[in-house]
Amino acid sequence: MRGEGKLELKDILVIETIDGKRLEFEVVGLVEDDEHAGFAVAYSEEADEFVVTDERGKLIEDEELAQNILDDFFELAEESAEDA
């Protein structure tokens, strides 16, 4: 994991899975909720999977919250693609 400080785009997180495998996730998006709490969306090419963390890299354990953040991220990405 990283040191102190907020995550930024392109930062790399290393997450160890239950079976001991280590996966690298690159921060691909930063999102704020309505209360201005910051979250990072990270993607692993190897696992073809997204994860959501708080702004310091701690995994979000609340699956519903994580899914809502991912949904917002994908919606914003889609809107950005349409504007381009």
C-alpha atoms as a PDB file:
ATOM      1  CA  MET A   1       0.000   0.000   0.000  1.00  0.00           C
ATOM      2  CA  ARG A   2       1.003   3.620  -0.186  1.00  0.00           C
ATOM      3  CA  GLY A   3       2.249   6.011   2.416  1.00  0.00           C
ATOM      4  CA  GLU A   4       0.342   8.922   3.880  1.00  0.00           C
ATOM      5  CA  GLY A   5      -1.671  11.280   1.713  1.00  0.00           C
ATOM      6  CA  LYS A   6      -4.569  11.219  -0.676  1.00  0.00           C
ATOM      7  CA  LEU A   7      -4.625   9.012  -3.733  1.00  0.00           C
ATOM      8  CA  GLU A   8      -4.200  10.619  -7.115  1.00  0.00           C
ATOM      9  CA  LEU A   9      -4.931   9.428 -10.638  1.00  0.00           C
ATOM     10  CA  LYS A  10      -2.516   6.764 -11.883  1.00  0.00           C
ATOM     11  CA  ASP A  11      -1.390   5.823  -8.338  1.00  0.00           C
ATOM     12  CA  ILE A  12      -0.891   2.082  -7.950  1.00  0.00           C
ATOM     13  CA  LEU A  13      -2.457   0.110  -5.093  1.00  0.00           C
ATOM     14  CA  VAL A  14      -1.346  -3.433  -4.318  1.00  0.00           C
ATOM     15  CA  ILE A  15      -4.122  -5.535  -2.829  1.00  0.00           C
ATOM     16  CA  GLU A  16      -3.612  -9.002  -1.433  1.00  0.00           C
ATOM     17  CA  THR A  17      -6.489 -11.394  -2.049  1.00  0.00           C
ATOM     18  CA  ILE A  18      -7.791 -14.010   0.384  1.00  0.00           C
ATOM     19  CA  ASP A  19      -5.764 -16.695  -1.407  1.00  0.00           C
ATOM     20  CA  GLY A  20      -2.539 -14.668  -1.012  1.00  0.00           C
ATOM     21  CA  LYS A  21      -2.331 -13.368  -4.579  1.00  0.00           C
ATOM     22  CA  ARG A  22      -1.112  -9.764  -4.942  1.00  0.00           C
ATOM     23  CA  LEU A  23      -2.883  -7.639  -7.558  1.00  0.00           C
ATOM     24  CA  GLU A  24      -1.968  -4.159  -8.764  1.00  0.00           C
ATOM     25  CA  PHE A  25      -4.800  -1.666  -9.215  1.00  0.00           C
ATOM     26  CA  GLU A  26      -4.328   1.703 -10.922  1.00  0.00           C
ATOM     27  CA  VAL A  27      -6.438   4.649  -9.763  1.00  0.00           C
ATOM     28  CA  VAL A  28      -8.576   5.576 -12.775  1.00  0.00           C
ATOM     29  CA  GLY A  29     -11.063   7.905 -11.130  1.00  0.00           C
ATOM     30  CA  LEU A  30     -11.642  10.143  -8.136  1.00  0.00           C
ATOM     31  CA  VAL A  31     -15.229  10.674  -6.956  1.00  0.00           C
ATOM     32  CA  GLU A  32     -16.901  12.710  -4.199  1.00  0.00           C
ATOM     33  CA  ASP A  33     -20.242  11.879  -2.643  1.00  0.00           C
ATOM     34  CA  ASP A  34     -22.927  14.388  -1.654  1.00  0.00           C
ATOM     35  CA  GLU A  35     -21.198  14.931   1.722  1.00  0.00           C
ATOM     36  CA  HIS A  36     -17.893  15.667  -0.099  1.00  0.00           C
ATOM     37  CA  ALA A  37     -16.222  12.470   1.084  1.00  0.00           C
ATOM     38  CA  GLY A  38     -13.549  11.415  -1.403  1.00  0.00           C
ATOM     39  CA  PHE A  39     -13.246   7.985  -3.000  1.00  0.00           C
ATOM     40  CA  ALA A  40     -10.917   6.414  -5.539  1.00  0.00           C
ATOM     41  CA  VAL A  41     -11.893   3.961  -8.260  1.00  0.00           C
ATOM     42  CA  ALA A  42      -9.049   1.627  -9.201  1.00  0.00           C
ATOM     43  CA  TYR A  43      -8.793  -0.986 -11.945  1.00  0.00           C
ATOM     44  CA  SER A  44      -6.665  -4.119 -12.292  1.00  0.00           C
ATOM     45  CA  GLU A  45      -5.996  -5.272 -15.861  1.00  0.00           C
ATOM     46  CA  GLU A  46      -4.780  -8.623 -14.550  1.00  0.00           C
ATOM     47  CA  ALA A  47      -7.996  -9.302 -12.643  1.00  0.00           C
ATOM     48  CA  ASP A  48     -10.231  -7.232 -14.985  1.00  0.00           C
ATOM     49  CA  GLU A  49     -11.855  -5.841 -11.858  1.00  0.00           C
ATOM     50  CA  PHE A  50     -12.605  -2.484 -10.262  1.00  0.00           C
ATOM     51  CA  VAL A  51     -12.311  -1.679  -6.559  1.00  0.00           C
ATOM     52  CA  VAL A  52     -13.381   1.368  -4.574  1.00  0.00           C
ATOM     53  CA  THR A  53     -11.311   2.830  -1.743  1.00  0.00           C
ATOM     54  CA  ASP A  54     -11.488   5.863   0.454  1.00  0.00           C
ATOM     55  CA  GLU A  55      -9.232   8.755  -0.556  1.00  0.00           C
ATOM     56  CA  ARG A  56      -6.308   7.209   1.355  1.00  0.00           C
ATOM     57  CA  GLY A  57      -6.531   3.728  -0.188  1.00  0.00           C
ATOM     58  CA  LYS A  58      -8.583   1.761   2.375  1.00  0.00           C
ATOM     59  CA  LEU A  59     -11.001  -0.607   0.627  1.00  0.00           C
ATOM     60  CA  ILE A  60     -14.682   0.240   1.011  1.00  0.00           C
ATOM     61  CA  GLU A  61     -16.296  -2.765   2.680  1.00  0.00           C
ATOM     62  CA  ASP A  62     -19.898  -1.571   2.272  1.00  0.00           C
ATOM     63  CA  GLU A  63     -20.784  -3.271  -1.035  1.00  0.00           C
ATOM     64  CA  GLU A  64     -23.826  -1.070  -1.672  1.00  0.00           C
ATOM     65  CA  LEU A  65     -21.798   2.122  -1.177  1.00  0.00           C
ATOM     66  CA  ALA A  66     -18.990   0.800  -3.388  1.00  0.00           C
ATOM     67  CA  GLN A  67     -21.480  -0.100  -6.139  1.00  0.00           C
ATOM     68  CA  ASN A  68     -23.101   3.345  -5.953  1.00  0.00           C
ATOM     69  CA  ILE A  69     -19.680   4.992  -6.317  1.00  0.00           C
ATOM     70  CA  LEU A  70     -18.846   2.740  -9.282  1.00  0.00           C
ATOM     71  CA  ASP A  71     -22.206   3.553 -10.891  1.00  0.00           C
ATOM     72  CA  ASP A  72     -21.509   7.293 -10.499  1.00  0.00           C
ATOM     73  CA  PHE A  73     -18.008   6.836 -11.925  1.00  0.00           C
ATOM     74  CA  PHE A  74     -19.283   4.947 -14.993  1.00  0.00           C
ATOM     75  CA  GLU A  75     -22.038   7.519 -15.538  1.00  0.00           C
ATOM     76  CA  LEU A  76     -19.520  10.385 -15.423  1.00  0.00           C
ATOM     77  CA  ALA A  77     -17.168   8.507 -17.755  1.00  0.00           C
ATOM     78  CA  GLU A  78     -19.997   7.907 -20.218  1.00  0.00           C
ATOM     79  CA  GLU A  79     -21.017  11.589 -20.144  1.00  0.00           C
ATOM     80  CA  SER A  80     -17.380  12.607 -20.714  1.00  0.00           C
ATOM     81  CA  ALA A  81     -17.119  10.266 -23.701  1.00  0.00           C
ATOM     82  CA  GLU A  82     -20.290  11.737 -25.208  1.00  0.00           C
ATOM     83  CA  ASP A  83     -18.944  15.276 -24.814  1.00  0.00           C
ATOM     84  CA  ALA A  84     -15.660  14.418 -26.541  1.00  0.00           C
END
